[in-house]
Amino acid sequence: MRTKLRSAMLAVLVSLSLATAGCSTAATTKTVTVFAAASMKATFTKLAQTFEASHPGVKVTFNFAGAQTLAEQILQGAAADVFTSADEANMLPVTKAGLNAAEVKIYASNSLQIAVPPTNPAKIATFADLAKKNVKLVICAPAVPCGSATVKVEQATGITLKPVSEEQAVTDVLAKVVAGEADAGLVYKTNVIDAAGKVTGIDFPESAKAINRNTIVALKAGPQAALGQEFVDLVVSAEGQQVLAAAGFGPGQ
């Protein structure tokens, strides 16, 4: 009888010990939340793996969307440790509100490229071709970084585009071209690289008139602001810059 009682008590103690250990492990796990422009998905996912490997017990989670949407969410109080925009304009409202924990860093640059289906059914070869009748063109909305870049090219060339759709994220533009719902889409060069084999990229010299510079900053009110700054440091480090260059991004400065 005593043996059975001891065994039962031991089982209870072991269960309590495991439960306590589980709670301890959960309590020590920290999450760094990064609000990132949709165009950064592939690259930042890779950088997150590097960051987690060097920070045991830390997990990086993302909210990928158009930079203007992310800025609005942050201004409305969304909890984020890091914000990165695909341009400088959408970073300004956040810094003007004093939400940045440090100086904004410009860490990369990106330029537009025409994405077409592999067969290029509309025979697109130049930026001017996008304005031709019956071309199903998809672009980003003007408030989105890739959309504001598109507007700059239109203004510089005097060519007015008539898209069938304006999307809230560059990845949505790319998705419509990949799905065959559009003859062409204006995206970033890095998006075309990410979608290798699914679309063909067409360079056009006018894209040089609208280079977007990517910005990043840790946020003051972030639950893990200190770790957020460490993630920023990784992005601007030599290691981070190598990853960005390999993905097709240009230098930030």
C-alpha atoms as a PDB file:
ATOM      1  CA  MET A   1       0.000   0.000   0.000  1.00  0.00           C
ATOM      2  CA  ARG A   2       2.818   2.373   0.961  1.00  0.00           C
ATOM      3  CA  THR A   3       4.635   1.512  -2.267  1.00  0.00           C
ATOM      4  CA  LYS A   4       1.570   2.413  -4.340  1.00  0.00           C
ATOM      5  CA  LEU A   5       1.151   5.660  -2.403  1.00  0.00           C
ATOM      6  CA  ARG A   6       4.783   6.603  -2.954  1.00  0.00           C
ATOM      7  CA  SER A   7       4.472   5.838  -6.681  1.00  0.00           C
ATOM      8  CA  ALA A   8       1.359   7.993  -6.945  1.00  0.00           C
ATOM      9  CA  MET A   9       3.013  10.878  -5.129  1.00  0.00           C
ATOM     10  CA  LEU A  10       6.096  10.568  -7.331  1.00  0.00           C
ATOM     11  CA  ALA A  11       3.940  10.672 -10.448  1.00  0.00           C
ATOM     12  CA  VAL A  12       2.248  13.836  -9.197  1.00  0.00           C
ATOM     13  CA  LEU A  13       5.590  15.463  -8.433  1.00  0.00           C
ATOM     14  CA  VAL A  14       6.966  14.568 -11.863  1.00  0.00           C
ATOM     15  CA  SER A  15       3.842  15.983 -13.540  1.00  0.00           C
ATOM     16  CA  LEU A  16       4.119  19.206 -11.566  1.00  0.00           C
ATOM     17  CA  SER A  17       7.803  19.448 -12.420  1.00  0.00           C
ATOM     18  CA  LEU A  18       7.122  19.023 -16.140  1.00  0.00           C
ATOM     19  CA  ALA A  19       4.287  21.522 -16.045  1.00  0.00           C
ATOM     20  CA  THR A  20       6.492  24.041 -14.272  1.00  0.00           C
ATOM     21  CA  ALA A  21       9.269  23.467 -16.787  1.00  0.00           C
ATOM     22  CA  GLY A  22       6.811  23.961 -19.619  1.00  0.00           C
ATOM     23  CA  CYS A  23       5.583  27.219 -18.156  1.00  0.00           C
ATOM     24  CA  SER A  24       9.155  28.369 -17.661  1.00  0.00           C
ATOM     25  CA  THR A  25      10.022  27.614 -21.293  1.00  0.00           C
ATOM     26  CA  ALA A  26       6.935  29.437 -22.536  1.00  0.00           C
ATOM     27  CA  ALA A  27       7.689  32.395 -20.299  1.00  0.00           C
ATOM     28  CA  THR A  28      11.225  32.744 -21.675  1.00  0.00           C
ATOM     29  CA  THR A  29      10.133  32.656 -25.326  1.00  0.00           C
ATOM     30  CA  LYS A  30      10.146  36.168 -26.774  1.00  0.00           C
ATOM     31  CA  THR A  31       8.522  37.317 -29.988  1.00  0.00           C
ATOM     32  CA  VAL A  32       9.844  40.145 -32.143  1.00  0.00           C
ATOM     33  CA  THR A  33       7.082  41.562 -34.324  1.00  0.00           C
ATOM     34  CA  VAL A  34       8.152  43.132 -37.604  1.00  0.00           C
ATOM     35  CA  PHE A  35       5.773  45.160 -39.788  1.00  0.00           C
ATOM     36  CA  ALA A  36       7.352  44.851 -43.221  1.00  0.00           C
ATOM     37  CA  ALA A  37       6.527  46.048 -46.721  1.00  0.00           C
ATOM     38  CA  ALA A  38       5.181  43.197 -48.854  1.00  0.00           C
ATOM     39  CA  SER A  39       8.152  43.428 -51.231  1.00  0.00           C
ATOM     40  CA  MET A  40      10.471  42.323 -48.399  1.00  0.00           C
ATOM     41  CA  LYS A  41       8.793  38.977 -47.672  1.00  0.00           C
ATOM     42  CA  ALA A  42      11.348  36.568 -49.156  1.00  0.00           C
ATOM     43  CA  THR A  43      14.408  38.458 -47.946  1.00  0.00           C
ATOM     44  CA  PHE A  44      13.184  39.222 -44.443  1.00  0.00           C
ATOM     45  CA  THR A  45      11.984  35.650 -43.926  1.00  0.00           C
ATOM     46  CA  LYS A  46      15.540  34.535 -44.613  1.00  0.00           C
ATOM     47  CA  LEU A  47      16.994  37.173 -42.281  1.00  0.00           C
ATOM     48  CA  ALA A  48      14.554  36.084 -39.567  1.00  0.00           C
ATOM     49  CA  GLN A  49      15.988  32.563 -39.709  1.00  0.00           C
ATOM     50  CA  THR A  50      19.474  33.989 -39.198  1.00  0.00           C
ATOM     51  CA  PHE A  51      18.266  36.142 -36.311  1.00  0.00           C
ATOM     52  CA  GLU A  52      16.471  33.284 -34.558  1.00  0.00           C
ATOM     53  CA  ALA A  53      19.534  31.046 -34.909  1.00  0.00           C
ATOM     54  CA  SER A  54      21.652  33.609 -33.060  1.00  0.00           C
ATOM     55  CA  HIS A  55      18.932  34.378 -30.479  1.00  0.00           C
ATOM     56  CA  PRO A  56      17.763  31.147 -28.800  1.00  0.00           C
ATOM     57  CA  GLY A  57      14.266  31.495 -27.369  1.00  0.00           C
ATOM     58  CA  VAL A  58      13.359  34.333 -29.728  1.00  0.00           C
ATOM     59  CA  LYS A  59      10.906  34.085 -32.612  1.00  0.00           C
ATOM     60  CA  VAL A  60      10.385  36.677 -35.341  1.00  0.00           C
ATOM     61  CA  THR A  61       6.842  37.136 -36.649  1.00  0.00           C
ATOM     62  CA  PHE A  62       5.814  39.315 -39.566  1.00  0.00           C
ATOM     63  CA  ASN A  63       2.930  41.434 -40.731  1.00  0.00           C
ATOM     64  CA  PHE A  64       3.522  41.845 -44.474  1.00  0.00           C
ATOM     65  CA  ALA A  65       1.387  44.426 -46.281  1.00  0.00           C
ATOM     66  CA  GLY A  66       1.595  47.668 -48.225  1.00  0.00           C
ATOM     67  CA  ALA A  67       3.766  50.189 -46.376  1.00  0.00           C
ATOM     68  CA  GLN A  68       0.952  52.743 -46.193  1.00  0.00           C
ATOM     69  CA  THR A  69      -1.333  50.173 -44.531  1.00  0.00           C
ATOM     70  CA  LEU A  70       1.335  49.241 -42.003  1.00  0.00           C
ATOM     71  CA  ALA A  71       2.052  52.881 -41.150  1.00  0.00           C
ATOM     72  CA  GLU A  72      -1.647  53.476 -40.515  1.00  0.00           C
ATOM     73  CA  GLN A  73      -1.835  50.427 -38.246  1.00  0.00           C
ATOM     74  CA  ILE A  74       1.159  51.610 -36.224  1.00  0.00           C
ATOM     75  CA  LEU A  75      -0.282  55.104 -35.867  1.00  0.00           C
ATOM     76  CA  GLN A  76      -3.488  53.507 -34.584  1.00  0.00           C
ATOM     77  CA  GLY A  77      -1.571  51.677 -31.856  1.00  0.00           C
ATOM     78  CA  ALA A  78      -0.773  48.272 -33.354  1.00  0.00           C
ATOM     79  CA  ALA A  79       1.957  46.509 -31.381  1.00  0.00           C
ATOM     80  CA  ALA A  80       5.128  46.243 -33.452  1.00  0.00           C
ATOM     81  CA  ASP A  81       8.823  46.239 -32.629  1.00  0.00           C
ATOM     82  CA  VAL A  82      10.132  47.108 -36.096  1.00  0.00           C
ATOM     83  CA  PHE A  83       8.723  48.915 -39.117  1.00  0.00           C
ATOM     84  CA  THR A  84      10.245  48.788 -42.562  1.00  0.00           C
ATOM     85  CA  SER A  85       8.861  50.674 -45.535  1.00  0.00           C
ATOM     86  CA  ALA A  86       9.657  50.242 -49.226  1.00  0.00           C
ATOM     87  CA  ASP A  87      10.097  54.004 -49.450  1.00  0.00           C
ATOM     88  CA  GLU A  88      10.835  57.063 -47.342  1.00  0.00           C
ATOM     89  CA  ALA A  89       7.434  58.732 -47.676  1.00  0.00           C
ATOM     90  CA  ASN A  90       5.489  56.125 -45.708  1.00  0.00           C
ATOM     91  CA  MET A  91       8.040  56.195 -42.901  1.00  0.00           C
ATOM     92  CA  LEU A  92       7.527  59.924 -42.306  1.00  0.00           C
ATOM     93  CA  PRO A  93       4.140  59.740 -40.506  1.00  0.00           C
ATOM     94  CA  VAL A  94       5.614  57.280 -38.012  1.00  0.00           C
ATOM     95  CA  THR A  95       8.670  59.399 -37.233  1.00  0.00           C
ATOM     96  CA  LYS A  96       6.656  62.634 -37.162  1.00  0.00           C
ATOM     97  CA  ALA A  97       4.496  61.038 -34.472  1.00  0.00           C
ATOM     98  CA  GLY A  98       7.665  60.321 -32.487  1.00  0.00           C
ATOM     99  CA  LEU A  99       7.138  56.555 -32.507  1.00  0.00           C
ATOM    100  CA  ASN A 100      10.668  55.644 -33.590  1.00  0.00           C
ATOM    101  CA  ALA A 101      13.099  54.435 -30.929  1.00  0.00           C
ATOM    102  CA  ALA A 102      16.184  55.389 -32.949  1.00  0.00           C
ATOM    103  CA  GLU A 103      17.274  57.032 -36.163  1.00  0.00           C
ATOM    104  CA  VAL A 104      15.705  55.657 -39.341  1.00  0.00           C
ATOM    105  CA  LYS A 105      18.107  53.640 -41.471  1.00  0.00           C
ATOM    106  CA  ILE A 106      18.062  53.489 -45.264  1.00  0.00           C
ATOM    107  CA  TYR A 107      19.237  49.964 -45.980  1.00  0.00           C
ATOM    108  CA  ALA A 108      18.435  49.173 -49.625  1.00  0.00           C
ATOM    109  CA  SER A 109      16.997  50.507 -52.863  1.00  0.00           C
ATOM    110  CA  ASN A 110      14.693  49.038 -55.478  1.00  0.00           C
ATOM    111  CA  SER A 111      13.456  49.962 -58.926  1.00  0.00           C
ATOM    112  CA  LEU A 112      10.491  49.060 -61.068  1.00  0.00           C
ATOM    113  CA  GLN A 113      10.405  46.366 -63.711  1.00  0.00           C
ATOM    114  CA  ILE A 114       7.629  45.235 -66.023  1.00  0.00           C
ATOM    115  CA  ALA A 115       6.442  41.709 -65.207  1.00  0.00           C
ATOM    116  CA  VAL A 116       4.690  39.762 -67.952  1.00  0.00           C
ATOM    117  CA  PRO A 117       3.576  36.129 -68.290  1.00  0.00           C
ATOM    118  CA  PRO A 118       6.329  33.883 -69.750  1.00  0.00           C
ATOM    119  CA  THR A 119       4.653  33.952 -73.189  1.00  0.00           C
ATOM    120  CA  ASN A 120       4.228  37.757 -73.107  1.00  0.00           C
ATOM    121  CA  PRO A 121       0.864  37.627 -74.931  1.00  0.00           C
ATOM    122  CA  ALA A 122       0.588  41.414 -75.319  1.00  0.00           C
ATOM    123  CA  LYS A 123       4.123  41.654 -76.780  1.00  0.00           C
ATOM    124  CA  ILE A 124       5.221  44.240 -74.221  1.00  0.00           C
ATOM    125  CA  ALA A 125       8.716  45.590 -74.851  1.00  0.00           C
ATOM    126  CA  THR A 126       8.710  49.170 -73.501  1.00  0.00           C
ATOM    127  CA  PHE A 127       7.052  51.323 -70.864  1.00  0.00           C
ATOM    128  CA  ALA A 128       5.036  53.032 -73.622  1.00  0.00           C
ATOM    129  CA  ASP A 129       3.593  49.652 -74.620  1.00  0.00           C
ATOM    130  CA  LEU A 130       1.770  49.526 -71.296  1.00  0.00           C
ATOM    131  CA  ALA A 131      -0.469  52.380 -72.446  1.00  0.00           C
ATOM    132  CA  LYS A 132      -1.575  50.607 -75.615  1.00  0.00           C
ATOM    133  CA  LYS A 133      -5.236  49.829 -76.135  1.00  0.00           C
ATOM    134  CA  ASN A 134      -6.466  46.444 -74.869  1.00  0.00           C
ATOM    135  CA  VAL A 135      -3.402  45.821 -72.682  1.00  0.00           C
ATOM    136  CA  LYS A 136      -4.578  44.497 -69.325  1.00  0.00           C
ATOM    137  CA  LEU A 137      -2.234  46.319 -66.979  1.00  0.00           C
ATOM    138  CA  VAL A 138      -2.136  46.027 -63.192  1.00  0.00           C
ATOM    139  CA  ILE A 139      -0.237  48.491 -61.001  1.00  0.00           C
ATOM    140  CA  CYS A 140      -0.019  49.503 -57.349  1.00  0.00           C
ATOM    141  CA  ALA A 141      -2.318  52.179 -55.949  1.00  0.00           C
ATOM    142  CA  PRO A 142      -0.631  55.633 -55.755  1.00  0.00           C
ATOM    143  CA  ALA A 143      -0.361  55.519 -51.938  1.00  0.00           C
ATOM    144  CA  VAL A 144       1.701  52.324 -52.101  1.00  0.00           C
ATOM    145  CA  PRO A 145       5.477  52.784 -52.628  1.00  0.00           C
ATOM    146  CA  CYS A 146       5.465  50.924 -55.956  1.00  0.00           C
ATOM    147  CA  GLY A 147       2.439  52.994 -56.968  1.00  0.00           C
ATOM    148  CA  SER A 148       4.078  56.311 -56.136  1.00  0.00           C
ATOM    149  CA  ALA A 149       7.107  55.195 -58.171  1.00  0.00           C
ATOM    150  CA  THR A 150       4.793  54.415 -61.088  1.00  0.00           C
ATOM    151  CA  VAL A 151       3.264  57.904 -60.882  1.00  0.00           C
ATOM    152  CA  LYS A 152       6.755  59.452 -60.987  1.00  0.00           C
ATOM    153  CA  VAL A 153       7.582  57.541 -64.172  1.00  0.00           C
ATOM    154  CA  GLU A 154       4.281  58.598 -65.744  1.00  0.00           C
ATOM    155  CA  GLN A 155       4.986  62.236 -64.915  1.00  0.00           C
ATOM    156  CA  ALA A 156       8.562  62.047 -66.185  1.00  0.00           C
ATOM    157  CA  THR A 157       7.583  60.435 -69.479  1.00  0.00           C
ATOM    158  CA  GLY A 158       4.256  62.136 -70.084  1.00  0.00           C
ATOM    159  CA  ILE A 159       2.683  58.702 -70.578  1.00  0.00           C
ATOM    160  CA  THR A 160      -0.639  58.094 -68.839  1.00  0.00           C
ATOM    161  CA  LEU A 161      -1.379  54.496 -67.918  1.00  0.00           C
ATOM    162  CA  LYS A 162      -4.890  53.077 -67.789  1.00  0.00           C
ATOM    163  CA  PRO A 163      -4.709  50.020 -65.553  1.00  0.00           C
ATOM    164  CA  VAL A 164      -7.539  47.578 -65.123  1.00  0.00           C
ATOM    165  CA  SER A 165      -6.673  47.320 -61.444  1.00  0.00           C
ATOM    166  CA  GLU A 166      -4.740  49.182 -58.739  1.00  0.00           C
ATOM    167  CA  GLU A 167      -3.576  46.970 -55.884  1.00  0.00           C
ATOM    168  CA  GLN A 168      -2.704  47.736 -52.259  1.00  0.00           C
ATOM    169  CA  ALA A 169       0.491  45.643 -52.284  1.00  0.00           C
ATOM    170  CA  VAL A 170       3.089  44.914 -54.938  1.00  0.00           C
ATOM    171  CA  THR A 171       2.761  41.193 -54.260  1.00  0.00           C
ATOM    172  CA  ASP A 172      -0.901  41.417 -55.314  1.00  0.00           C
ATOM    173  CA  VAL A 173       0.156  42.936 -58.638  1.00  0.00           C
ATOM    174  CA  LEU A 174       2.621  40.110 -59.168  1.00  0.00           C
ATOM    175  CA  ALA A 175       0.025  37.497 -58.227  1.00  0.00           C
ATOM    176  CA  LYS A 176      -2.354  38.720 -60.937  1.00  0.00           C
ATOM    177  CA  VAL A 177       0.348  38.464 -63.587  1.00  0.00           C
ATOM    178  CA  VAL A 178       1.331  34.980 -62.374  1.00  0.00           C
ATOM    179  CA  ALA A 179      -2.336  33.912 -62.470  1.00  0.00           C
ATOM    180  CA  GLY A 180      -2.693  35.148 -66.044  1.00  0.00           C
ATOM    181  CA  GLU A 181      -5.228  37.804 -65.044  1.00  0.00           C
ATOM    182  CA  ALA A 182      -3.065  40.582 -66.480  1.00  0.00           C
ATOM    183  CA  ASP A 183      -0.901  41.089 -69.566  1.00  0.00           C
ATOM    184  CA  ALA A 184       1.594  43.074 -67.509  1.00  0.00           C
ATOM    185  CA  GLY A 185       2.235  44.488 -64.078  1.00  0.00           C
ATOM    186  CA  LEU A 186       4.620  47.072 -62.683  1.00  0.00           C
ATOM    187  CA  VAL A 187       6.514  45.534 -59.779  1.00  0.00           C
ATOM    188  CA  TYR A 188      10.023  45.648 -58.354  1.00  0.00           C
ATOM    189  CA  LYS A 189      12.979  43.859 -59.901  1.00  0.00           C
ATOM    190  CA  THR A 190      13.254  41.798 -56.736  1.00  0.00           C
ATOM    191  CA  ASN A 191       9.673  40.561 -57.160  1.00  0.00           C
ATOM    192  CA  VAL A 192      10.515  39.240 -60.612  1.00  0.00           C
ATOM    193  CA  ILE A 193      13.553  37.444 -59.202  1.00  0.00           C
ATOM    194  CA  ASP A 194      11.394  35.878 -56.479  1.00  0.00           C
ATOM    195  CA  ALA A 195       8.942  34.658 -59.119  1.00  0.00           C
ATOM    196  CA  ALA A 196      11.588  33.257 -61.458  1.00  0.00           C
ATOM    197  CA  GLY A 197      10.020  30.986 -64.069  1.00  0.00           C
ATOM    198  CA  LYS A 198       6.517  32.280 -63.394  1.00  0.00           C
ATOM    199  CA  VAL A 199       6.971  35.698 -64.996  1.00  0.00           C
ATOM    200  CA  THR A 200       9.441  37.429 -67.294  1.00  0.00           C
ATOM    201  CA  GLY A 201      10.966  40.756 -66.333  1.00  0.00           C
ATOM    202  CA  ILE A 202      11.372  43.590 -68.819  1.00  0.00           C
ATOM    203  CA  ASP A 203      13.709  46.455 -67.960  1.00  0.00           C
ATOM    204  CA  PHE A 204      12.897  49.973 -69.081  1.00  0.00           C
ATOM    205  CA  PRO A 205      15.264  52.958 -68.783  1.00  0.00           C
ATOM    206  CA  GLU A 206      12.554  55.261 -67.401  1.00  0.00           C
ATOM    207  CA  SER A 207      12.595  53.267 -64.135  1.00  0.00           C
ATOM    208  CA  ALA A 208      15.747  55.186 -63.184  1.00  0.00           C
ATOM    209  CA  LYS A 209      13.516  58.222 -62.612  1.00  0.00           C
ATOM    210  CA  ALA A 210      11.803  56.539 -59.643  1.00  0.00           C
ATOM    211  CA  ILE A 211      14.197  54.654 -57.390  1.00  0.00           C
ATOM    212  CA  ASN A 212      12.670  53.776 -54.018  1.00  0.00           C
ATOM    213  CA  ARG A 213      14.867  53.654 -50.932  1.00  0.00           C
ATOM    214  CA  ASN A 214      13.902  51.161 -48.227  1.00  0.00           C
ATOM    215  CA  THR A 215      13.781  52.425 -44.648  1.00  0.00           C
ATOM    216  CA  ILE A 216      13.709  50.632 -41.308  1.00  0.00           C
ATOM    217  CA  VAL A 217      13.435  51.576 -37.630  1.00  0.00           C
ATOM    218  CA  ALA A 218      12.793  50.036 -34.220  1.00  0.00           C
ATOM    219  CA  LEU A 219       9.644  51.332 -32.544  1.00  0.00           C
ATOM    220  CA  LYS A 220       9.629  52.962 -29.119  1.00  0.00           C
ATOM    221  CA  ALA A 221       6.452  51.277 -27.864  1.00  0.00           C
ATOM    222  CA  GLY A 222       7.340  47.827 -29.127  1.00  0.00           C
ATOM    223  CA  PRO A 223       6.982  45.033 -26.521  1.00  0.00           C
ATOM    224  CA  GLN A 224      10.482  43.874 -27.516  1.00  0.00           C
ATOM    225  CA  ALA A 225      11.979  47.170 -28.662  1.00  0.00           C
ATOM    226  CA  ALA A 226      15.544  46.224 -27.673  1.00  0.00           C
ATOM    227  CA  LEU A 227      15.387  42.997 -29.680  1.00  0.00           C
ATOM    228  CA  GLY A 228      13.741  44.963 -32.444  1.00  0.00           C
ATOM    229  CA  GLN A 229      16.805  47.195 -32.615  1.00  0.00           C
ATOM    230  CA  GLU A 230      18.997  44.099 -32.819  1.00  0.00           C
ATOM    231  CA  PHE A 231      16.962  42.921 -35.813  1.00  0.00           C
ATOM    232  CA  VAL A 232      17.467  46.334 -37.435  1.00  0.00           C
ATOM    233  CA  ASP A 233      21.190  46.004 -36.765  1.00  0.00           C
ATOM    234  CA  LEU A 234      21.213  42.656 -38.587  1.00  0.00           C
ATOM    235  CA  VAL A 235      19.476  44.128 -41.626  1.00  0.00           C
ATOM    236  CA  VAL A 236      22.011  46.969 -41.973  1.00  0.00           C
ATOM    237  CA  SER A 237      25.019  44.764 -41.146  1.00  0.00           C
ATOM    238  CA  ALA A 238      27.395  43.377 -43.769  1.00  0.00           C
ATOM    239  CA  GLU A 239      25.679  39.995 -43.421  1.00  0.00           C
ATOM    240  CA  GLY A 240      22.250  41.504 -43.970  1.00  0.00           C
ATOM    241  CA  GLN A 241      23.467  43.537 -46.922  1.00  0.00           C
ATOM    242  CA  GLN A 242      24.824  40.397 -48.598  1.00  0.00           C
ATOM    243  CA  VAL A 243      21.401  38.755 -48.348  1.00  0.00           C
ATOM    244  CA  LEU A 244      19.720  41.850 -49.785  1.00  0.00           C
ATOM    245  CA  ALA A 245      22.221  42.156 -52.666  1.00  0.00           C
ATOM    246  CA  ALA A 246      21.731  38.483 -53.524  1.00  0.00           C
ATOM    247  CA  ALA A 247      17.986  39.124 -53.765  1.00  0.00           C
ATOM    248  CA  GLY A 248      18.526  41.941 -56.263  1.00  0.00           C
ATOM    249  CA  PHE A 249      18.309  44.993 -54.021  1.00  0.00           C
ATOM    250  CA  GLY A 250      20.559  47.955 -54.667  1.00  0.00           C
ATOM    251  CA  PRO A 251      22.538  49.827 -51.996  1.00  0.00           C
ATOM    252  CA  GLY A 252      20.667  52.063 -49.601  1.00  0.00           C
ATOM    253  CA  GLN A 253      22.877  55.090 -49.946  1.00  0.00           C
END
